[in-house]
Protein backbone atom coordinates (compact mmCIF):
# COMPACT_ATOMS: atom_id res chain seq x y z
CA MET A 1 87.67 178.67 87.10
CA SER A 2 88.85 182.22 88.45
CA THR A 3 92.06 183.79 86.55
CA VAL A 4 93.49 185.16 89.81
CA PRO A 5 96.88 183.98 89.69
CA SER A 6 97.32 181.03 91.90
CA ILE A 7 99.40 181.35 95.17
CA GLU A 8 102.06 178.89 95.73
CA LEU A 9 101.48 177.84 99.27
CA PRO A 10 102.10 173.98 100.25
CA VAL A 11 99.37 171.59 100.21
CA GLU A 12 99.07 171.40 103.75
CA ILE A 13 98.26 175.14 103.90
CA TRP A 14 95.88 174.80 101.51
CA ARG A 15 93.95 171.95 103.68
CA LYS A 16 94.40 173.92 106.79
CA ILE A 17 92.54 176.98 105.10
CA LEU A 18 89.58 174.81 103.73
CA GLU A 19 89.11 173.60 107.22
CA LEU A 20 88.15 176.88 108.62
CA THR A 21 85.30 177.27 105.90
CA LEU A 22 81.44 175.73 106.06
CA PRO A 23 81.16 172.49 104.21
CA ASP A 24 78.36 174.41 101.94
CA GLN A 25 81.29 177.18 101.03
CA GLY A 26 83.14 174.63 99.11
CA ALA A 27 81.80 175.27 95.62
CA ALA A 28 82.54 179.15 95.79
CA ILE A 29 85.98 178.66 97.47
CA SER A 30 86.66 176.17 94.69
CA LEU A 31 86.80 178.80 92.33
CA VAL A 32 89.52 180.22 93.66
CA ASN A 33 92.13 178.86 92.14
CA GLN A 34 92.85 174.74 90.85
CA MET A 35 94.90 173.85 94.16
CA PHE A 36 91.50 175.08 96.12
CA PHE A 37 89.59 173.45 93.61
CA GLU A 38 91.19 169.86 94.10
CA ILE A 39 91.48 169.81 97.77
CA ALA A 40 87.39 170.84 98.10
CA ILE A 41 85.96 168.77 95.65
CA ALA A 42 88.12 165.99 97.43
CA ARG A 43 86.48 166.93 100.90
CA ARG A 44 82.48 167.03 99.67
CA TYR A 45 83.12 163.73 97.68
CA LYS A 46 85.51 161.87 100.35
CA SER A 47 82.18 159.26 100.98
CA VAL A 48 79.63 158.95 98.60
CA SER A 49 76.24 156.57 99.95
CA TRP A 50 74.13 155.28 96.46
CA GLY A 51 71.18 152.73 96.30
CA PHE A 52 69.67 151.51 93.51
CA MET A 53 66.23 153.42 93.36
CA ARG A 54 66.79 155.62 96.25
CA ARG A 55 65.65 159.35 96.74
CA ASP A 56 68.75 160.73 97.82
CA ASN A 57 70.89 159.66 94.93
CA ALA A 58 71.60 162.54 92.68
CA ARG A 59 74.92 163.63 94.63
CA GLY A 60 76.10 159.32 94.32
CA LEU A 61 75.02 159.08 90.83
CA HIS A 62 76.62 162.23 89.61
CA ALA A 63 80.03 160.75 91.51
CA LEU A 64 79.79 157.77 89.59
CA LYS A 65 79.38 158.90 86.59
CA SER A 66 81.73 161.70 86.51
CA PRO A 67 85.55 160.26 86.10
CA LEU A 68 86.81 164.21 87.09
CA VAL A 69 84.76 163.06 90.58
CA SER A 70 84.90 159.81 91.32
CA ARG A 71 88.81 159.62 91.21
CA TYR A 72 88.52 161.48 94.84
CA ILE A 73 86.06 159.04 96.18
CA GLN A 74 87.35 157.05 99.26
CA GLU A 75 84.96 155.64 100.92
CA LEU A 76 81.68 154.26 98.47
CA CYS A 77 78.64 152.44 100.34
CA ILE A 78 76.00 150.79 98.05
CA HIS A 79 73.04 149.50 99.52
CA ILE A 80 70.77 147.07 96.61
CA THR A 81 67.24 146.82 96.67
CA PRO A 82 66.30 143.83 94.25
CA SER A 83 62.33 144.94 94.28
CA ASN A 84 63.79 148.42 92.86
CA LEU A 85 65.39 146.77 90.42
CA PHE A 86 62.64 145.71 88.15
CA ALA A 87 59.55 147.27 86.26
CA PRO A 88 56.49 146.26 88.76
CA PRO A 89 53.56 143.89 86.74
CA PRO A 90 51.13 144.93 84.51
CA LYS A 91 48.06 144.86 86.60
CA PRO A 92 45.76 141.75 84.87
CA THR A 93 42.38 142.62 83.47
CA LEU A 94 39.20 141.27 85.18
CA ARG A 95 38.85 138.98 82.02
CA GLY A 96 42.70 137.72 82.56
CA ARG A 97 41.82 137.07 86.00
CA ILE A 98 38.48 134.82 85.06
CA PHE A 99 40.01 132.96 82.31
CA ALA A 100 43.84 133.09 83.49
CA LYS A 101 45.91 129.53 83.23
CA ASN A 102 48.80 127.98 85.03
CA THR A 103 51.49 129.22 82.29
CA THR A 104 55.72 129.09 83.10
CA PRO A 105 56.14 132.39 85.31
CA ILE A 106 58.27 135.29 83.13
CA LEU A 107 61.05 137.19 84.59
CA PRO A 108 60.14 140.33 85.14
CA GLU A 109 61.40 143.33 83.53
CA VAL A 110 64.70 145.06 84.16
CA ALA A 111 63.57 148.77 85.45
CA LYS A 112 64.77 151.44 83.40
CA ASN A 113 66.47 153.01 86.56
CA GLU A 114 69.68 154.72 87.82
CA ALA A 115 71.40 151.23 88.11
CA GLN A 116 70.92 150.12 84.62
CA GLU A 117 71.88 153.92 83.44
CA PHE A 118 75.31 153.69 84.97
CA LEU A 119 76.05 149.83 84.08
CA GLU A 120 75.00 150.80 80.36
CA GLY A 121 78.37 153.31 80.26
CA PHE A 122 80.50 150.55 80.99
CA THR A 123 81.41 147.70 78.77
CA ASP A 124 81.42 143.96 79.78
CA PRO A 125 83.02 143.15 81.78
CA VAL A 126 82.53 146.01 83.94
CA ASP A 127 85.27 147.42 84.72
CA LEU A 128 85.87 150.45 87.52
CA SER A 129 89.76 150.43 88.47
CA GLY A 130 90.23 153.68 86.38
CA ARG A 131 87.44 155.16 88.05
CA PHE A 132 87.82 154.60 91.69
CA PRO A 133 92.02 154.75 92.21
CA SER A 134 91.32 156.47 95.28
CA LEU A 135 88.86 154.12 96.96
CA ARG A 136 89.85 152.83 100.38
CA LEU A 137 86.36 151.66 102.04
CA LEU A 138 84.09 149.43 100.28
CA ALA A 139 80.53 149.03 102.51
CA ILE A 140 77.73 146.75 100.13
CA SER A 141 74.33 146.20 101.91
CA ALA A 142 71.00 144.77 100.50
CA THR A 143 67.90 144.44 101.77
CA SER A 144 66.22 140.55 102.26
CA GLY A 145 62.77 141.28 104.09
CA PRO A 146 59.31 139.42 102.61
CA TRP A 147 58.96 142.02 99.90
CA GLU A 148 62.17 141.38 98.40
CA LEU A 149 61.97 137.50 98.09
CA ARG A 150 60.21 136.92 94.82
CA HIS A 151 62.87 139.22 93.60
CA TYR A 152 65.85 137.48 94.54
CA HIS A 153 66.40 134.65 92.03
CA PRO A 154 65.96 137.26 89.05
CA PHE A 155 68.52 139.90 90.39
CA GLN A 156 70.90 136.84 90.85
CA MET A 157 70.75 136.25 87.43
CA ILE A 158 70.99 139.48 85.92
CA PHE A 159 73.27 141.31 88.45
CA LYS A 160 75.31 138.70 89.49
CA ALA A 161 78.21 139.53 86.76
CA PRO A 162 78.05 143.27 87.13
CA ILE A 163 78.21 142.99 90.88
CA ARG A 164 81.48 140.74 90.86
CA GLN A 165 83.11 141.96 87.74
CA ALA A 166 82.72 145.81 89.26
CA THR A 167 84.34 144.67 92.94
CA GLN A 168 86.76 142.42 91.62
CA SER A 169 87.91 145.47 89.70
CA VAL A 170 88.01 147.89 92.28
CA ALA A 171 89.64 145.09 95.04
CA ALA A 172 93.65 146.05 94.32
CA THR A 173 93.09 149.05 96.55
CA VAL A 174 90.59 148.34 98.98
CA ARG A 175 91.82 148.14 102.43
CA ILE A 176 87.84 148.06 104.49
CA LEU A 177 85.22 146.19 103.37
CA VAL A 178 81.88 146.54 105.28
CA LEU A 179 79.49 143.32 103.95
CA THR A 180 76.23 143.62 105.49
CA ILE A 181 74.21 141.12 102.99
CA PRO A 182 71.77 138.00 102.78
CA LEU A 183 74.15 134.60 103.37
CA GLU A 184 72.62 133.51 100.21
CA LEU A 185 74.74 136.15 98.15
CA TYR A 186 77.68 134.36 99.43
CA ARG A 187 76.41 130.73 98.66
CA ASP A 188 75.18 131.77 95.02
CA GLY A 189 78.45 133.66 94.38
CA VAL A 190 76.93 137.28 93.95
CA SER A 191 79.41 138.29 96.74
CA ALA A 192 82.98 138.31 95.88
CA CYS A 193 83.54 135.92 98.17
CA ASP A 194 86.03 134.35 96.14
CA LEU A 195 88.25 137.33 95.36
CA ASN A 196 91.05 138.55 97.00
CA PHE A 197 92.30 141.63 98.40
CA PRO A 198 95.71 142.50 98.42
CA LEU A 199 95.63 145.27 100.74
CA LEU A 200 92.49 144.25 102.89
CA GLU A 201 93.27 145.51 106.80
CA ASP A 202 89.63 145.75 108.15
CA LEU A 203 86.76 143.33 107.02
CA HIS A 204 83.48 143.98 108.73
CA MET A 205 80.82 141.10 107.95
CA GLU A 206 76.84 141.30 109.29
CA PHE A 207 75.14 138.25 108.59
CA HIS A 208 71.38 137.17 108.09
CA VAL A 209 69.55 134.92 105.69
CA ALA A 210 66.64 135.63 103.46
CA TYR A 211 65.15 132.03 103.61
CA LEU A 212 64.92 130.43 106.95
CA THR A 213 65.71 127.46 105.16
CA THR A 214 68.85 127.94 104.23
CA ASP A 215 72.00 126.02 105.30
CA TYR A 216 74.12 128.70 107.58
CA GLU A 217 76.22 126.59 108.60
CA GLY A 218 77.11 125.18 105.28
CA ILE A 219 77.34 128.29 103.96
CA PHE A 220 79.99 129.94 107.32
CA THR A 221 82.01 126.22 106.29
CA THR A 222 82.50 127.35 102.36
CA SER A 223 82.03 130.81 101.55
CA VAL A 224 82.80 133.06 104.97
CA VAL A 225 85.60 131.00 106.75
CA PRO A 226 87.90 130.26 103.32
CA PHE A 227 87.61 134.42 102.13
CA VAL A 228 88.50 135.79 105.64
CA ASN A 229 91.52 132.64 105.73
CA ARG A 230 92.26 134.19 102.44
CA HIS A 231 93.24 137.75 103.71
CA SER A 232 95.07 136.57 107.35
CA GLN A 233 97.99 137.72 106.46
CA SER A 234 96.82 141.41 106.26
CA LEU A 235 93.96 141.71 108.41
CA THR A 236 93.85 143.65 111.35
CA LYS A 237 90.62 144.70 112.46
CA LEU A 238 87.59 141.66 112.14
CA SER A 239 84.45 142.53 112.90
CA PHE A 240 81.79 139.51 113.09
CA GLY A 241 77.76 140.16 113.91
CA THR A 242 73.99 139.35 113.14
CA THR A 243 71.19 141.08 112.83
CA GLN A 244 68.31 141.77 115.33
CA PRO A 245 65.65 138.58 114.78
CA ARG A 246 62.46 139.58 113.45
CA ASP A 247 58.72 138.60 114.62
CA ASP A 248 60.53 136.81 118.01
CA CYS A 249 61.84 133.71 115.67
CA PRO A 250 64.45 131.90 116.84
CA GLN A 251 65.32 130.29 113.61
CA ARG A 252 66.95 133.81 112.95
CA VAL A 253 69.01 133.26 115.88
CA TYR A 254 72.45 131.30 114.35
CA THR A 255 74.53 129.21 116.29
CA PHE A 256 78.43 130.82 115.23
CA GLU A 257 80.45 126.95 115.68
CA ALA A 258 81.36 126.16 112.16
CA LEU A 259 82.16 129.96 111.97
CA MET A 260 84.44 130.47 114.78
CA GLY A 261 85.87 126.56 114.27
CA GLY A 262 86.44 126.80 111.10
CA LEU A 263 89.14 130.11 111.22
CA SER A 264 93.27 130.19 110.48
CA HIS A 265 95.66 132.01 112.87
CA ILE A 266 95.32 136.22 112.17
CA GLN A 267 98.70 137.06 112.59
CA GLY A 268 98.63 140.41 113.30
CA LEU A 269 94.62 140.84 114.35
CA LEU A 270 94.87 143.63 116.71
CA SER A 271 90.84 144.52 116.66
CA PHE A 272 87.92 141.89 116.99
CA THR A 273 84.71 142.56 117.33
CA PHE A 274 81.76 140.08 117.73
CA TYR A 275 78.26 140.62 118.65
CA TRP A 276 75.62 137.74 118.63
CA PHE A 277 72.22 136.45 120.25
CA ILE A 278 72.62 133.46 122.12
CA LEU A 279 70.67 130.43 122.99
CA PRO A 280 70.60 127.46 124.72
CA THR A 281 72.40 125.46 122.60
CA MET A 282 75.37 127.57 122.07
CA GLU A 283 77.51 126.41 124.31
CA PRO A 284 79.80 124.65 121.73
CA SER A 285 79.74 128.15 119.94
CA LEU A 286 81.13 129.79 122.65
CA HIS A 287 83.65 127.55 123.61
CA LYS A 288 84.68 127.98 119.73
CA LEU A 289 84.65 131.91 120.33
CA SER A 290 86.92 131.25 123.35
CA GLN A 291 89.78 129.73 121.87
CA PHE A 292 89.85 132.55 119.24
CA ILE A 293 89.86 134.96 121.13
CA HIS A 294 92.58 132.65 123.42
CA ALA A 295 94.91 132.24 120.14
CA HIS A 296 95.31 136.13 119.55
CA SER A 297 95.24 136.80 122.99
CA ALA A 298 98.87 137.81 122.36
CA THR A 299 97.90 140.55 119.79
CA LEU A 300 95.02 141.72 120.86
CA SER A 301 94.43 145.25 121.78
CA LYS A 302 90.58 145.93 121.43
CA LEU A 303 87.98 143.46 121.83
CA THR A 304 84.11 144.33 121.65
CA LEU A 305 82.30 141.51 122.63
CA SER A 306 78.22 141.51 122.63
CA LEU A 307 76.37 138.54 123.80
CA PHE A 308 72.44 139.53 123.79
CA HIS A 309 69.76 137.17 124.78
CA SER A 310 67.10 140.30 124.44
CA PHE A 311 66.46 142.62 121.98
CA PRO A 312 64.50 146.34 122.35
CA VAL A 313 60.53 146.01 120.74
CA GLY A 314 58.83 149.24 120.05
CA PRO A 315 56.04 151.42 118.87
CA ARG A 316 55.68 151.14 114.89
CA SER A 317 54.74 154.33 115.10
CA HIS A 318 55.74 157.63 116.31
CA PHE A 319 51.94 158.22 117.19
CA VAL A 320 51.42 155.88 119.49
CA ARG A 321 51.97 157.90 122.77
CA ASN A 322 51.43 155.00 125.27
CA MET A 323 53.16 152.08 124.26
CA LYS A 324 56.33 151.38 126.43
CA LEU A 325 59.60 149.98 125.23
CA SER A 326 59.80 146.54 125.99
CA PHE A 327 62.48 143.65 125.45
CA ARG A 328 61.39 140.34 124.05
CA GLU A 329 63.42 137.84 125.31
CA ILE A 330 65.04 135.33 123.03
CA SER A 331 65.99 132.99 126.09
CA ARG A 332 65.83 133.08 129.56
CA PHE A 333 68.63 130.10 129.52
CA TYR A 334 71.66 132.38 130.28
CA THR A 335 72.04 134.54 133.57
CA PRO A 336 75.15 136.43 135.15
CA SER A 337 75.43 133.32 136.89
CA THR A 338 75.42 131.16 133.85
CA LEU A 339 77.50 133.01 131.35
CA PHE A 340 80.43 134.42 133.68
CA SER A 341 80.96 130.09 133.89
CA HIS A 342 82.05 130.07 130.40
CA ARG A 343 85.03 129.31 128.64
CA PRO A 344 85.54 133.12 126.92
CA PHE A 345 84.96 134.49 130.48
CA THR A 346 86.97 131.58 132.29
CA GLU A 347 89.61 131.46 130.03
CA ALA A 348 89.63 133.51 127.32
CA LEU A 349 89.40 136.88 128.45
CA GLN A 350 92.04 136.04 130.94
CA SER A 351 94.66 135.46 129.14
CA CYS A 352 94.23 138.78 126.53
CA ARG A 353 97.33 140.75 128.66
CA MET A 354 97.57 143.42 125.70
CA LEU A 355 93.81 144.47 125.95
CA LYS A 356 93.64 148.40 125.86
CA LYS A 357 90.06 149.11 124.75
CA LEU A 358 87.51 146.07 126.17
CA ASP A 359 83.98 147.28 124.86
CA CYS A 360 81.29 144.69 126.84
CA THR A 361 77.45 144.43 125.95
CA LEU A 362 75.96 141.45 127.75
CA LEU A 363 72.30 139.59 128.25
CA GLY A 364 69.76 142.24 128.83
CA GLN A 365 69.60 145.68 129.50
CA ASP A 366 68.57 144.77 133.16
CA SER A 367 70.12 141.90 133.38
CA PHE A 368 72.73 143.15 136.03
CA ARG A 369 70.57 145.28 137.90
CA LEU A 370 67.11 143.24 138.64
CA ASN A 371 69.04 139.96 138.86
CA ASP A 372 72.51 139.85 140.83
CA ALA A 373 75.28 141.48 139.23
CA THR A 374 78.02 140.08 142.05
CA PRO A 375 79.42 137.88 138.92
CA PHE A 376 80.51 140.11 136.85
CA LEU A 377 81.74 142.03 139.88
CA LEU A 378 83.89 139.02 141.06
CA TRP A 379 84.64 138.33 137.53
CA PHE A 380 86.24 141.61 136.08
CA PRO A 381 88.85 142.16 139.05
CA THR A 382 90.70 139.01 137.72
CA LEU A 383 91.17 140.06 134.43
CA LYS A 384 94.65 140.42 133.74
CA SER A 385 94.35 143.70 131.31
CA ALA A 386 92.53 145.27 133.59
CA GLN A 387 95.65 148.04 134.98
CA THR A 388 96.34 148.13 131.42
CA LEU A 389 92.79 149.30 130.23
CA THR A 390 93.25 152.93 128.71
CA THR A 391 88.96 152.65 127.58
CA LEU A 392 86.27 150.77 129.33
CA HIS A 393 82.26 150.87 127.65
CA LEU A 394 79.64 149.46 129.31
CA ARG A 395 77.13 151.28 128.08
CA TYR A 396 74.32 148.90 127.10
CA ASN A 397 73.98 147.18 130.97
CA ARG A 398 72.71 149.48 133.28
CA PHE A 399 73.98 149.04 136.91
CA ASN A 400 72.68 150.10 140.70
CA GLN A 401 75.36 152.86 141.72
CA ALA A 402 76.64 150.75 144.24
CA ASP A 403 77.68 148.10 142.19
CA ILE A 404 79.93 150.47 140.09
CA ILE A 405 81.37 151.84 143.16
CA LYS A 406 82.33 147.66 144.09
CA LEU A 407 83.67 147.54 140.61
CA VAL A 408 85.94 150.32 140.56
CA SER A 409 86.72 149.71 144.27
CA SER A 410 87.67 146.39 143.55
CA ALA A 411 89.90 146.58 140.57
CA ASP A 412 93.05 148.81 139.67
CA LEU A 413 92.31 151.35 136.67
CA SER A 414 94.65 153.43 137.27
CA SER A 415 95.74 153.72 133.13
CA LEU A 416 91.99 154.07 132.54
CA ARG A 417 91.13 157.18 130.12
CA ASP A 418 87.71 157.09 128.60
CA LEU A 419 85.18 155.07 131.01
CA SER A 420 81.48 154.73 129.35
CA ILE A 421 78.97 153.07 131.94
CA ARG A 422 75.25 153.37 132.77
CA CYS A 423 73.83 154.05 136.14
CA TRP A 424 70.14 153.28 137.41
CA SER A 425 70.17 156.26 139.60
CA LEU A 426 73.49 158.88 139.98
CA ASN A 427 74.06 161.03 143.13
CA VAL A 428 77.43 163.02 143.80
CA THR A 429 78.94 159.79 145.58
CA LEU A 430 80.11 158.05 142.69
CA PHE A 431 81.98 161.32 141.84
CA ASP A 432 83.87 160.98 145.09
CA ILE A 433 84.97 157.35 143.77
CA PHE A 434 86.04 158.26 140.70
CA ALA A 435 88.06 161.31 141.70
CA ASP A 436 89.81 159.11 144.08
CA ARG A 437 90.26 155.90 141.90
CA LEU A 438 90.25 157.14 138.48
CA GLY A 439 92.99 160.03 138.89
CA SER A 440 93.85 159.33 134.86
CA LEU A 441 90.69 159.71 133.53
CA GLN A 442 89.82 162.02 131.04
CA GLU A 443 86.63 161.58 129.70
CA LEU A 444 83.23 160.11 131.45
CA ARG A 445 79.67 159.45 130.24
CA VAL A 446 77.46 158.09 132.61
CA SER A 447 73.51 157.46 131.08
CA ILE A 448 71.55 158.02 133.74
CA SER A 449 67.90 157.50 134.06
CA GLY A 450 67.36 159.40 137.51
CA ILE A 451 69.11 160.96 140.26
CA SER A 452 69.58 161.31 143.96
CA THR A 453 71.08 163.31 146.83
CA ARG A 454 73.83 162.11 149.18
CA ALA A 455 71.87 161.93 152.21
CA SER A 456 69.09 159.80 150.31
CA PRO A 457 70.22 157.87 147.43
CA SER A 458 67.09 155.84 147.54
CA GLU A 459 64.71 158.22 146.51
CA VAL A 460 65.09 158.68 142.73
CA SER A 461 63.57 161.76 140.75
CA VAL A 462 63.62 162.01 137.12
CA PRO A 463 64.17 165.56 135.65
CA GLN A 464 61.88 166.75 133.03
CA GLU A 465 63.68 170.11 132.59
CA GLN A 466 67.00 171.76 133.43
CA LEU A 467 67.38 171.36 137.32
CA GLY A 468 66.30 175.03 139.22
CA PRO A 469 68.79 176.57 141.63
CA ASP A 470 66.93 174.86 144.60
CA SER A 471 67.47 171.09 143.37
CA PRO A 472 68.92 169.04 146.08
CA PHE A 473 71.21 167.41 143.59
CA LEU A 474 72.43 170.55 142.21
CA LEU A 475 73.07 171.61 145.64
CA ASP A 476 75.03 168.88 146.22
CA LEU A 477 77.03 169.29 143.42
CA GLN A 478 77.83 172.47 144.05
CA GLY A 479 78.97 171.46 147.34
CA SER A 480 81.44 169.38 146.24
CA SER A 481 84.92 170.17 144.46
CA TYR A 482 87.73 168.06 143.41
CA PRO A 483 90.77 170.32 142.58
CA GLY A 484 92.70 166.70 142.61
CA TRP A 485 91.00 165.88 139.79
CA MET A 486 92.81 167.35 137.27
CA SER A 487 92.46 164.73 134.22
CA LEU A 488 88.72 165.27 133.34
CA THR A 489 88.36 167.41 130.27
CA ALA A 490 84.82 165.96 129.03
CA LEU A 491 81.90 164.93 131.11
CA TYR A 492 78.42 163.74 129.90
CA LEU A 493 75.23 163.03 131.92
CA PRO A 494 72.69 162.02 129.04
CA LEU A 495 69.38 161.43 130.96
CA GLU A 496 67.29 158.72 129.40
CA ASP A 497 63.51 159.62 130.26
CA GLU A 498 61.31 157.37 128.40
CA GLU A 499 58.10 159.78 128.81
CA ALA A 500 60.21 162.72 127.36
CA LEU A 501 60.94 160.55 124.46
CA LYS A 502 57.40 159.67 123.41
CA ALA A 503 56.48 163.33 124.11
CA ARG A 504 59.47 164.67 121.56
CA ARG A 505 58.89 161.73 119.30
CA TYR A 506 55.15 163.36 118.91
CA MET A 507 56.33 166.62 118.59
CA ALA A 508 58.38 165.53 116.02
CA CYS A 509 55.88 163.77 113.96
CA CYS A 510 53.18 167.43 114.38
CA TRP A 511 56.16 170.08 113.87
CA GLY A 512 59.12 168.00 111.99
CA SER A 513 61.62 168.98 114.75
CA TRP A 514 61.96 169.52 118.34
CA GLU A 515 64.71 171.15 120.45
CA GLU A 516 66.55 168.92 122.71
CA GLU A 517 66.65 169.94 126.00
CA CYS A 518 68.78 169.77 128.44
CA TRP A 519 68.74 168.74 132.79
CA LEU A 520 71.87 170.44 133.77
CA SER A 521 74.37 173.25 132.36
CA GLU A 522 78.13 173.54 133.03
CA SER A 523 77.40 176.93 134.02
CA GLN A 524 75.36 175.45 137.37
CA PHE A 525 78.96 174.26 139.43
CA PRO A 526 81.61 176.24 137.74
CA GLU A 527 83.93 174.95 140.47
CA THR A 528 83.23 171.49 140.93
CA PHE A 529 85.66 170.09 138.30
CA PRO A 530 88.57 172.54 137.60
CA LYS A 531 89.99 171.28 134.11
CA LEU A 532 86.19 170.16 132.55
CA GLN A 533 86.06 171.89 128.53
CA THR A 534 83.30 169.69 127.39
CA PHE A 535 80.06 169.29 129.00
CA GLY A 536 76.81 167.58 128.18
CA ALA A 537 73.53 166.37 129.80
CA LYS A 538 70.60 166.18 127.34
CA ILE A 539 67.88 164.38 127.95
CA ASN A 540 67.23 161.47 125.22
């Protein structure tokens, strides 16, 4: 530590000084005085990620093992890979393979790794309460691929008690809990689903199963629902989701009737996120989802609703240059016409009068562009909260520009501050409508797949590099001016070009990285948007 006398200043001023420095300068600056040291350590180790037997564990393990550092940790993310916790079995000899007999299987030997080294530093039971007094966020994820299944039962037998004890010891300070673990961990008591987190405000749960034969509905009823209901008095944010099905397997798409139907009323719920893959048999589940949203319509201010029926399938290797990204449909039962006839849209969302932020991801990526967007365009203006929305995100579904114009023209969005939308092709006519109808908009993000001109909207082109001065789209943009649109300060126009993406993937494999390209620069249209401060137009 430096011997220079410490300057007596309020801690807020030291924090402000430290904000002006680069993160990698923290080690040198921490030697200035004791106050700087504490603030620099707290910034460096505010969030720590650690996974059993990961390569990047040096920093995380140092933070966990050192009490002088761990007391500053506010966010701890742990990833569990069961197969890495055990030493590989010895290879049998040729004689052993020939004369092998059926014997009782022996539990694999626990590997001497960071997990064991860390846990051996504590007495039994494991108590971390004094080690992490500032912990606010706890995130636990676990791998459950085919390679992990043969290690699940020994993992449960050996590590169940330490994991439960460690979680229970830090539960008193945790306010945000993120669980991305197999449902079997809830059933077998490895997770802390029977514990109480008295200060829990934000709960994120993502579900999947390790075994296809697992009774997931029974686990929802006996473990997950009681855990959520136990914290109904303190929760303000709730998120449920499911992982993407592998191998196009419908058995990995779960009904959620038991999950949503068993939840009690959460009095102070402000934010609800729900993302799920849907099947034709899920009409009762959608009904329960509708009842839950309707019951909390008086308090909900943010709703993220994602109901997919397809998921992206891309090349497994970056070297495969000619394979296009495709989408596997789990079910074609739901279309825009059938989906918007269900109660979440006809009843539940209609009752949410306090919504400020709405994020919708529905069906497939091109369901509204290739089919008919009319059901969505007829439904959206009927929302009671449309005129009070400040944030609207429609970043997944691609729309035709004409449909976007109809959407903005048919609803009163005078309070909107932040809009994210996905458009198939863009021309400046869209800006004309936005400037006229969305006078309070501050941030606009339009993801596009091509551009066109005002005179020929059907002639779509895809820029491969920055537009030249003779580009018809650029000339249209330079010829437009929106002096009354004083609120717009941030504009993003990312271009989704599949061919360019494949080429950059190939370059990344060959050279390790690539330079980000932009198809448009702010300096090319300096007079169009008078108050624009931030602009981006990358080729994604």
